[in-house]
């Protein structure tokens, strides 16, 4: 459910109201979902607390089954404000979902947004969902991929200060991310996906004139992986690579840092973008926007990104089961 003080509960009730093509259980809080249903005008929605997945599967198809995880909110939880309680809730909801995914009780996790400040107030010093998922799954290397109908982008570095990025551009990181990009392409049904790598510096360094990372670190990794049969090319200038990918020249772009990769995807519309964590032992997709505290409780949040995240998770899960 994400942060109970954000738009997560509203997105979920809107998603259920319009109907879903597969069984879904919500790890969250009944009060928060009912409050969202009420201010959205969906007071008639049935929201049922369940002890576990087995019980959740017995709930009527038009009801919302909720696994609570020991968090019970009330009107004292103020919408649009950070709090330790909301952070604790979002952490517990996610962790119970991870437990059930690790044991195979659920096919995929689809996350609504959490708030990093609330998480920190609750005592959890994680930058976001991706790092929690990797930590709990015991996976050292995961990739953050954002995609929509026009672009697919995976990041070499994720939640890092821009000043720290150059030192983090290492052969190992580049190689791992490109391999994860190839894995993501296969998950999406692109068996030999065309992977393009963005340069770190302006004009991809212009043969070292604007920095040596592109020539000394990134290019040798690309050449090595190409020799191994990976369909990868680059590095290409960051100011044109996304246009080329959007025109269909590439299937996946490897971006060096957070804003380089996410601005182009989000510019094309956060309402249809999806965040995928690549490299986990289970499927995880998410919305590509935040908690939107400024509109929480107003009933105007757009659930399109959550719907796209759900549909993509279902697509990948169905492909895995073949």
Protein backbone atom coordinates (compact mmCIF):
# COMPACT_ATOMS: atom_id res chain seq x y z
CA UNK A 1 0.00 0.00 0.00
CA UNK A 2 2.97 2.30 0.47
CA UNK A 3 2.74 5.33 2.75
CA UNK A 4 -0.74 5.55 4.29
CA UNK A 5 -0.55 9.37 4.33
CA UNK A 6 0.04 9.57 0.58
CA UNK A 7 -2.00 8.69 -2.48
CA UNK A 8 -1.30 4.94 -2.32
CA UNK A 9 -4.62 3.96 -0.69
CA UNK A 10 -6.54 6.10 -3.19
CA UNK A 11 -4.77 4.54 -6.16
CA UNK A 12 -5.57 1.06 -4.87
CA UNK A 13 -9.30 1.61 -4.34
CA UNK A 14 -9.58 3.20 -7.79
CA UNK A 15 -7.78 0.21 -9.29
CA UNK A 16 -10.15 -2.24 -7.62
CA UNK A 17 -13.19 -0.15 -8.51
CA UNK A 18 -12.39 -0.47 -12.22
CA UNK A 19 -11.67 -4.19 -11.91
CA UNK A 20 -8.57 -6.35 -12.17
CA UNK A 21 -7.95 -9.38 -14.41
CA UNK A 22 -6.21 -11.48 -11.73
CA UNK A 23 -6.48 -12.12 -7.96
CA UNK A 24 -4.85 -9.37 -5.89
CA UNK A 25 -4.24 -8.99 -2.17
CA UNK A 26 -3.32 -5.68 -0.53
CA UNK A 27 -0.70 -5.53 2.20
CA UNK A 28 -1.97 -2.48 4.04
CA UNK A 29 -4.51 -1.04 6.42
CA UNK A 30 -8.31 -1.29 6.25
CA UNK A 31 -8.92 2.17 7.74
CA UNK A 32 -6.68 3.91 5.21
CA UNK A 33 -8.30 2.12 2.29
CA UNK A 34 -11.82 2.77 3.59
CA UNK A 35 -11.03 6.45 4.11
CA UNK A 36 -9.75 6.63 0.54
CA UNK A 37 -12.84 4.84 -0.76
CA UNK A 38 -15.07 7.29 1.09
CA UNK A 39 -13.46 10.47 -0.24
CA UNK A 40 -13.42 8.97 -3.74
CA UNK A 41 -17.15 8.26 -3.51
CA UNK A 42 -16.67 4.48 -3.40
CA UNK A 43 -18.10 3.95 0.07
CA UNK A 44 -19.86 0.80 -1.08
CA UNK A 45 -16.56 -1.01 -1.74
CA UNK A 46 -16.13 -4.03 0.52
CA UNK A 47 -12.73 -4.05 2.25
CA UNK A 48 -11.99 -7.26 4.15
CA UNK A 49 -9.14 -7.90 6.58
CA UNK A 50 -7.53 -11.32 6.10
CA UNK A 51 -5.04 -13.28 8.17
CA UNK A 52 -3.10 -14.70 5.23
CA UNK A 53 -3.09 -15.42 1.50
CA UNK A 54 -5.27 -18.52 1.90
CA UNK A 55 -8.04 -16.48 3.51
CA UNK A 56 -7.57 -13.64 1.02
CA UNK A 57 -8.34 -16.00 -1.85
CA UNK A 58 -11.77 -16.74 -0.35
CA UNK A 59 -12.87 -13.09 -0.44
CA UNK A 60 -15.54 -12.12 -2.97
CA UNK A 61 -14.14 -10.96 -6.35
CA UNK A 62 -15.57 -7.44 -5.93
CA UNK A 63 -14.02 -6.98 -2.46
CA UNK A 64 -10.53 -5.83 -1.46
CA UNK A 65 -8.68 -8.45 0.63
CA UNK A 66 -6.23 -6.80 3.03
CA UNK A 67 -3.40 -8.38 5.02
CA UNK A 68 -2.79 -5.93 7.84
CA UNK A 69 0.72 -6.76 9.13
CA UNK A 70 -0.08 -5.46 12.62
CA UNK A 71 -0.62 -1.78 11.71
CA UNK A 72 -3.95 -0.14 12.55
CA UNK A 73 -4.30 3.52 11.61
CA UNK A 74 -7.11 5.94 12.46
CA UNK A 75 -8.02 9.58 11.84
CA UNK A 76 -4.94 10.65 13.83
CA UNK A 77 -2.83 9.75 10.80
CA UNK A 78 -2.82 13.05 8.94
CA UNK A 79 -2.86 12.86 5.16
CA UNK A 80 -0.04 14.67 3.41
CA UNK A 81 2.37 14.62 6.36
CA UNK A 82 5.38 12.47 7.15
CA UNK A 83 5.35 10.41 10.35
CA UNK A 84 7.11 7.52 12.03
CA UNK A 85 3.81 5.61 12.10
CA UNK A 86 3.34 5.87 8.33
CA UNK A 87 6.97 4.88 7.80
CA UNK A 88 6.60 1.86 10.06
CA UNK A 89 3.46 0.83 8.23
CA UNK A 90 4.98 1.07 4.77
CA UNK A 91 8.01 -0.92 5.93
CA UNK A 92 5.89 -3.69 7.46
CA UNK A 93 3.57 -3.91 4.47
CA UNK A 94 6.51 -4.30 2.11
CA UNK A 95 8.32 -6.83 4.27
CA UNK A 96 5.30 -9.10 4.60
CA UNK A 97 4.87 -9.01 0.84
CA UNK A 98 8.55 -9.90 0.41
CA UNK A 99 8.16 -12.84 2.81
CA UNK A 100 5.22 -14.18 0.80
CA UNK A 101 7.00 -13.63 -2.51
CA UNK A 102 10.10 -15.47 -1.28
CA UNK A 103 7.99 -18.50 -0.33
CA UNK A 104 6.09 -18.42 -3.61
CA UNK A 105 2.71 -17.57 -2.10
CA UNK A 106 2.35 -14.59 -4.41
CA UNK A 107 3.47 -14.27 -8.03
CA UNK A 108 4.62 -10.64 -7.90
CA UNK A 109 4.83 -7.51 -5.77
CA UNK A 110 3.39 -4.23 -7.06
CA UNK A 111 4.22 -1.28 -4.82
CA UNK A 112 2.49 2.02 -4.23
CA UNK A 113 4.86 4.87 -3.24
CA UNK A 114 6.45 5.18 0.18
CA UNK A 115 7.98 8.35 1.63
CA UNK A 116 11.68 8.22 2.47
CA UNK A 117 11.36 10.79 5.30
CA UNK A 118 8.62 8.77 7.02
CA UNK A 119 10.74 5.66 6.59
CA UNK A 120 13.69 7.40 8.23
CA UNK A 121 11.48 8.71 11.07
CA UNK A 122 10.53 5.09 11.75
CA UNK A 123 14.21 4.21 12.06
CA UNK A 124 14.81 2.65 8.64
CA UNK A 125 17.68 4.26 6.78
CA UNK A 126 16.97 2.99 3.27
CA UNK A 127 16.88 5.33 0.26
CA UNK A 128 13.79 3.59 -1.12
CA UNK A 129 11.97 0.41 -2.09
CA UNK A 130 14.78 -0.91 -4.30
CA UNK A 131 17.35 -1.06 -1.53
CA UNK A 132 14.92 -2.70 0.93
CA UNK A 133 13.98 -5.34 -1.62
CA UNK A 134 17.61 -6.16 -2.41
CA UNK A 135 18.55 -6.31 1.28
CA UNK A 136 15.67 -8.60 2.23
CA UNK A 137 16.15 -10.85 -0.78
CA UNK A 138 19.87 -11.16 -0.05
CA UNK A 139 20.78 -9.93 -3.52
CA UNK A 140 23.90 -7.81 -3.92
CA UNK A 141 23.20 -6.46 -7.40
CA UNK A 142 19.83 -5.24 -8.64
CA UNK A 143 18.84 -2.77 -11.33
CA UNK A 144 16.24 -0.03 -11.32
CA UNK A 145 14.44 0.07 -14.66
CA UNK A 146 11.83 2.64 -15.71
CA UNK A 147 9.74 2.08 -18.79
CA UNK A 148 6.69 3.27 -20.66
CA UNK A 149 5.32 2.72 -24.15
CA UNK A 150 8.24 4.62 -25.71
CA UNK A 151 11.36 4.10 -23.58
CA UNK A 152 13.04 1.48 -21.39
CA UNK A 153 15.84 2.73 -19.15
CA UNK A 154 18.00 1.01 -16.51
CA UNK A 155 20.38 2.85 -14.16
CA UNK A 156 24.03 2.17 -13.32
CA UNK A 157 23.80 4.26 -10.13
CA UNK A 158 20.49 4.91 -8.39
CA UNK A 159 19.99 7.12 -5.33
CA UNK A 160 23.38 8.81 -5.18
CA UNK A 161 24.49 12.42 -4.92
CA UNK A 162 25.55 13.69 -8.34
CA UNK A 163 28.97 14.60 -6.92
CA UNK A 164 29.50 10.94 -5.96
CA UNK A 165 28.56 9.44 -9.32
CA UNK A 166 31.91 9.62 -11.22
CA UNK A 167 33.71 7.58 -8.57
CA UNK A 168 30.94 4.97 -8.72
CA UNK A 169 31.31 4.41 -12.46
CA UNK A 170 33.42 1.26 -12.35
CA UNK A 171 33.90 -1.62 -14.81
CA UNK A 172 32.08 -3.95 -12.43
CA UNK A 173 29.02 -1.70 -12.11
CA UNK A 174 28.86 -1.15 -15.86
CA UNK A 175 29.14 -4.86 -16.59
CA UNK A 176 26.53 -5.84 -13.99
CA UNK A 177 24.06 -3.23 -15.20
CA UNK A 178 24.43 -4.15 -18.87
CA UNK A 179 23.91 -7.82 -18.00
CA UNK A 180 20.82 -6.89 -15.97
CA UNK A 181 19.60 -4.90 -18.98
CA UNK A 182 19.93 -8.00 -21.15
CA UNK A 183 18.05 -10.03 -18.52
CA UNK A 184 15.30 -7.39 -18.40
CA UNK A 185 14.97 -7.50 -22.18
CA UNK A 186 14.41 -11.25 -22.02
CA UNK A 187 11.80 -10.80 -19.26
CA UNK A 188 9.98 -8.41 -21.57
CA UNK A 189 10.06 -10.85 -24.47
CA UNK A 190 13.02 -9.25 -26.28
CA UNK A 191 15.38 -12.21 -26.62
CA UNK A 192 18.19 -10.24 -28.28
CA UNK A 193 17.30 -6.74 -27.16
CA UNK A 194 19.39 -3.88 -28.52
CA UNK A 195 21.05 -2.24 -25.52
CA UNK A 196 22.51 1.27 -25.83
CA UNK A 197 24.76 2.76 -23.15
CA UNK A 198 24.67 6.48 -22.39
CA UNK A 199 27.94 8.25 -21.72
CA UNK A 200 28.60 9.91 -18.39
CA UNK A 201 30.07 13.14 -19.75
CA UNK A 202 28.87 15.64 -22.39
CA UNK A 203 29.22 14.15 -25.89
CA UNK A 204 30.19 10.85 -24.18
CA UNK A 205 33.49 12.51 -23.25
CA UNK A 206 34.45 13.36 -26.85
CA UNK A 207 37.51 11.08 -26.79
CA UNK A 208 38.51 12.23 -23.33
CA UNK A 209 38.18 15.97 -23.86
CA UNK A 210 35.33 16.24 -21.32
CA UNK A 211 36.34 13.43 -18.97
CA UNK A 212 38.01 10.04 -19.22
CA UNK A 213 35.29 7.77 -17.76
CA UNK A 214 33.60 7.06 -21.09
CA UNK A 215 36.82 6.04 -22.86
CA UNK A 216 38.69 4.41 -19.99
CA UNK A 217 35.85 2.60 -18.17
CA UNK A 218 32.59 2.40 -20.10
CA UNK A 219 33.79 1.67 -23.64
CA UNK A 220 36.09 -1.26 -22.70
CA UNK A 221 33.24 -2.94 -20.80
CA UNK A 222 30.95 -2.58 -23.82
CA UNK A 223 33.59 -4.07 -26.11
CA UNK A 224 34.17 -6.98 -23.73
CA UNK A 225 30.45 -7.79 -23.46
CA UNK A 226 29.98 -7.49 -27.22
CA UNK A 227 32.72 -10.09 -27.62
CA UNK A 228 30.71 -12.34 -25.29
CA UNK A 229 27.64 -11.98 -27.50
CA UNK A 230 25.69 -9.29 -25.64
CA UNK A 231 23.87 -6.99 -28.08
CA UNK A 232 25.18 -3.74 -26.60
CA UNK A 233 26.67 -0.59 -28.12
CA UNK A 234 27.88 2.84 -27.05
CA UNK A 235 28.71 4.92 -25.20
CA UNK A 236 26.45 7.47 -26.87
CA UNK A 237 25.93 11.13 -25.93
CA UNK A 238 23.25 11.44 -23.28
CA UNK A 239 21.51 14.31 -25.05
CA UNK A 240 20.58 12.23 -28.12
CA UNK A 241 20.46 8.59 -27.02
CA UNK A 242 16.90 8.78 -25.70
CA UNK A 243 15.56 10.30 -28.90
CA UNK A 244 17.18 7.48 -30.85
CA UNK A 245 15.67 4.89 -28.53
CA UNK A 246 12.26 6.52 -28.80
CA UNK A 247 12.48 6.27 -32.59
CA UNK A 248 13.02 2.52 -32.24
CA UNK A 249 16.77 2.30 -32.81
CA UNK A 250 17.38 0.73 -29.38
CA UNK A 251 15.29 -1.46 -27.05
CA UNK A 252 16.95 -0.48 -23.77
CA UNK A 253 19.08 2.44 -22.60
CA UNK A 254 21.64 2.09 -19.82
CA UNK A 255 21.85 5.48 -18.08
CA UNK A 256 24.71 6.36 -15.75
CA UNK A 257 22.78 8.16 -13.02
CA UNK A 258 19.28 8.80 -11.69
CA UNK A 259 18.23 12.01 -13.39
CA UNK A 260 19.96 11.24 -16.68
CA UNK A 261 17.72 8.22 -17.08
CA UNK A 262 14.51 9.15 -15.31
CA UNK A 263 13.89 12.64 -16.67
CA UNK A 264 13.27 11.41 -20.25
CA UNK A 265 10.90 8.66 -19.08
CA UNK A 266 8.94 10.90 -16.73
CA UNK A 267 8.81 13.73 -19.27
CA UNK A 268 6.82 11.39 -21.50
CA UNK A 269 4.28 10.96 -18.69
CA UNK A 270 4.40 9.63 -15.13
CA UNK A 271 0.84 8.38 -15.55
CA UNK A 272 1.97 5.45 -17.71
CA UNK A 273 5.50 4.85 -16.44
CA UNK A 274 6.45 1.72 -14.50
CA UNK A 275 9.42 1.02 -12.22
CA UNK A 276 10.81 -2.54 -12.31
CA UNK A 277 13.46 -3.95 -9.99
CA UNK A 278 15.64 -6.25 -12.09
CA UNK A 279 17.68 -9.06 -10.54
CA UNK A 280 15.41 -10.09 -7.65
CA UNK A 281 14.31 -13.72 -7.19
CA UNK A 282 10.71 -12.51 -7.54
CA UNK A 283 8.87 -9.96 -9.67
CA UNK A 284 8.53 -6.41 -8.42
CA UNK A 285 6.99 -3.49 -10.28
CA UNK A 286 5.93 -0.07 -9.04
CA UNK A 287 4.53 3.29 -9.99
CA UNK A 288 7.12 5.77 -11.25
CA UNK A 289 5.94 8.65 -9.06
CA UNK A 290 6.00 9.57 -5.39
CA UNK A 291 3.49 9.89 -2.56
CA UNK A 292 2.08 13.20 -3.90
CA UNK A 293 1.34 14.58 -0.43
CA UNK A 294 0.06 17.79 -2.01
CA UNK A 295 -3.01 16.02 -3.41
CA UNK A 296 -3.48 13.26 -0.82
CA UNK A 297 -7.11 13.06 0.27
CA UNK A 298 -8.47 15.10 -2.62
CA UNK A 299 -9.64 12.16 -4.73
CA UNK A 300 -7.87 13.40 -7.86
CA UNK A 301 -4.86 11.06 -8.03
CA UNK A 302 -4.43 9.17 -11.32
CA UNK A 303 -4.08 5.41 -10.89
CA UNK A 304 -2.82 4.80 -14.45
CA UNK A 305 0.79 4.13 -13.46
CA UNK A 306 -0.30 1.62 -10.81
CA UNK A 307 -2.51 -0.13 -13.35
CA UNK A 308 0.38 -0.30 -15.83
CA UNK A 309 2.64 -1.67 -13.07
CA UNK A 310 0.08 -4.36 -12.28
CA UNK A 311 -0.39 -5.34 -15.91
CA UNK A 312 3.38 -5.56 -16.48
CA UNK A 313 3.84 -7.69 -13.35
CA UNK A 314 1.11 -10.01 -14.60
CA UNK A 315 2.72 -10.21 -18.05
CA UNK A 316 6.13 -11.14 -16.62
CA UNK A 317 4.58 -13.64 -14.20
CA UNK A 318 2.66 -15.34 -16.99
CA UNK A 319 5.82 -15.53 -19.11
CA UNK A 320 7.74 -17.13 -16.22
CA UNK A 321 5.05 -19.78 -15.78
CA UNK A 322 5.27 -20.95 -19.40
